[in-house]
Amino acid sequence: MNKFGSMGEWNYENSTTFYKSYCGNVNGSAGEFFPPERKKTKISLFSSDVCRTLDLNYKEEIEVDGINGFRFWGDDKMLQNDTACPDNWCFCPSGECAPNGAIDVSTCK
């Protein structure tokens, strides 16, 4: 059950050729389902629209129509370039990163 809703492959591959190194790994969920007993840390979604995994950080506990849940959100760190977050160097397919808040999907689309 701990892998329920998790993606292992996209187009029959466990990584993409659009981004170098770990940035091309296919992981997380497609967004419809998540494993049970979520922790208050983050969730990861693989988006085929941008050909990469996006991390959403925990924000708060909420209640909607009497059902308790956790709210996760894409904060300003999600789309930082390599200047603001050196670990994101491999999301710069042309060798030059897009400005913070933007994604270069030219190799993907």
Protein backbone atom coordinates (compact mmCIF):
# COMPACT_ATOMS: atom_id res chain seq x y z
CA MET A 1 0.00 0.00 0.00
CA ASN A 2 2.93 2.39 0.54
CA LYS A 3 3.34 2.67 -3.26
CA PHE A 4 -0.35 3.21 -4.02
CA GLY A 5 -0.69 5.98 -6.61
CA SER A 6 3.05 6.31 -7.17
CA MET A 7 4.40 6.50 -10.71
CA GLY A 8 7.24 4.20 -11.62
CA GLU A 9 7.37 4.95 -15.33
CA TRP A 10 6.21 7.46 -17.93
CA ASN A 11 6.09 6.31 -21.56
CA TYR A 12 7.58 2.99 -20.37
CA GLU A 13 10.70 4.66 -18.95
CA ASN A 14 11.70 5.51 -15.37
CA SER A 15 13.43 8.72 -16.48
CA THR A 16 13.06 11.25 -19.26
CA THR A 17 15.68 12.48 -21.68
CA PHE A 18 14.53 16.08 -21.29
CA TYR A 19 16.60 16.89 -18.20
CA LYS A 20 20.03 15.67 -17.11
CA SER A 21 20.87 13.65 -14.02
CA TYR A 22 18.24 13.25 -11.28
CA CYS A 23 16.10 16.03 -12.75
CA GLY A 24 14.89 13.58 -15.39
CA ASN A 25 13.71 10.93 -12.91
CA VAL A 26 10.05 9.97 -13.01
CA ASN A 27 8.74 9.84 -9.45
CA GLY A 28 5.89 10.94 -7.30
CA SER A 29 2.24 10.61 -8.21
CA ALA A 30 0.21 11.53 -11.24
CA GLY A 31 -1.85 13.61 -8.81
CA GLU A 32 -4.99 11.49 -8.57
CA PHE A 33 -3.94 9.17 -5.73
CA PHE A 34 -1.38 9.12 -2.94
CA PRO A 35 -0.30 6.39 -0.54
CA PRO A 36 -2.31 6.36 2.72
CA GLU A 37 -1.08 7.91 5.97
CA ARG A 38 0.50 11.01 4.44
CA LYS A 39 3.11 12.83 6.49
CA LYS A 40 3.18 16.59 6.91
CA THR A 41 6.24 17.07 4.71
CA LYS A 42 5.71 17.26 0.96
CA ILE A 43 4.09 15.45 -1.95
CA SER A 44 5.63 14.95 -5.37
CA LEU A 45 3.71 15.03 -8.64
CA PHE A 46 5.03 14.08 -12.05
CA SER A 47 3.59 16.50 -14.60
CA SER A 48 3.73 15.44 -18.24
CA ASP A 49 2.96 19.07 -19.19
CA VAL A 50 6.41 20.15 -17.99
CA CYS A 51 8.04 16.68 -18.18
CA ARG A 52 9.28 16.80 -14.61
CA THR A 53 8.45 16.15 -11.00
CA LEU A 54 7.11 19.05 -8.95
CA ASP A 55 7.29 19.06 -5.15
CA LEU A 56 4.48 20.60 -3.16
CA ASN A 57 5.31 21.42 0.47
CA TYR A 58 2.96 20.95 3.40
CA LYS A 59 1.16 24.15 4.36
CA GLU A 60 -1.59 23.40 6.89
CA GLU A 61 -4.36 21.13 8.13
CA ILE A 62 -7.79 21.97 6.73
CA GLU A 63 -11.38 20.82 7.01
CA VAL A 64 -13.70 20.71 4.01
CA ASP A 65 -17.32 19.63 4.50
CA GLY A 66 -16.39 17.89 7.74
CA ILE A 67 -13.46 15.98 6.25
CA ASN A 68 -10.00 16.68 7.66
CA GLY A 69 -7.06 16.88 5.31
CA PHE A 70 -3.67 18.41 4.64
CA ARG A 71 -3.06 21.29 2.26
CA PHE A 72 0.08 21.20 0.14
CA TRP A 73 1.15 24.02 -2.11
CA GLY A 74 3.71 25.06 -4.65
CA ASP A 75 5.72 27.72 -2.89
CA ASP A 76 8.34 30.06 -4.34
CA LYS A 77 11.03 27.37 -4.02
CA MET A 78 9.27 25.04 -6.46
CA LEU A 79 10.41 26.85 -9.61
CA GLN A 80 13.68 28.41 -8.48
CA ASN A 81 16.52 28.44 -10.96
CA ASP A 82 20.09 27.30 -10.27
CA THR A 83 21.13 30.70 -8.94
CA ALA A 84 18.60 30.54 -6.10
CA CYS A 85 18.79 26.75 -5.68
CA PRO A 86 22.02 25.15 -6.98
CA ASP A 87 20.40 21.67 -6.95
CA ASN A 88 18.18 22.80 -9.85
CA TRP A 89 21.13 23.10 -12.29
CA CYS A 90 19.85 20.12 -14.26
CA PHE A 91 16.51 21.81 -15.06
CA CYS A 92 18.38 24.10 -17.47
CA PRO A 93 18.38 22.04 -20.70
CA SER A 94 19.97 24.75 -22.85
CA GLY A 95 22.72 25.35 -20.29
CA GLU A 96 21.17 28.63 -19.24
CA CYS A 97 18.39 28.67 -16.67
CA ALA A 98 15.10 30.47 -17.08
CA PRO A 99 14.32 33.27 -14.58
CA ASN A 100 12.97 32.24 -11.17
CA GLY A 101 9.34 31.20 -11.48
CA ALA A 102 9.64 30.06 -15.12
CA ILE A 103 10.41 26.66 -16.67
CA ASP A 104 12.22 26.04 -19.95
CA VAL A 105 10.16 23.25 -21.52
CA SER A 106 11.68 23.64 -24.99
CA THR A 107 13.29 20.17 -24.94
CA CYS A 108 10.05 18.66 -23.63
CA LYS A 109 7.57 20.30 -25.99
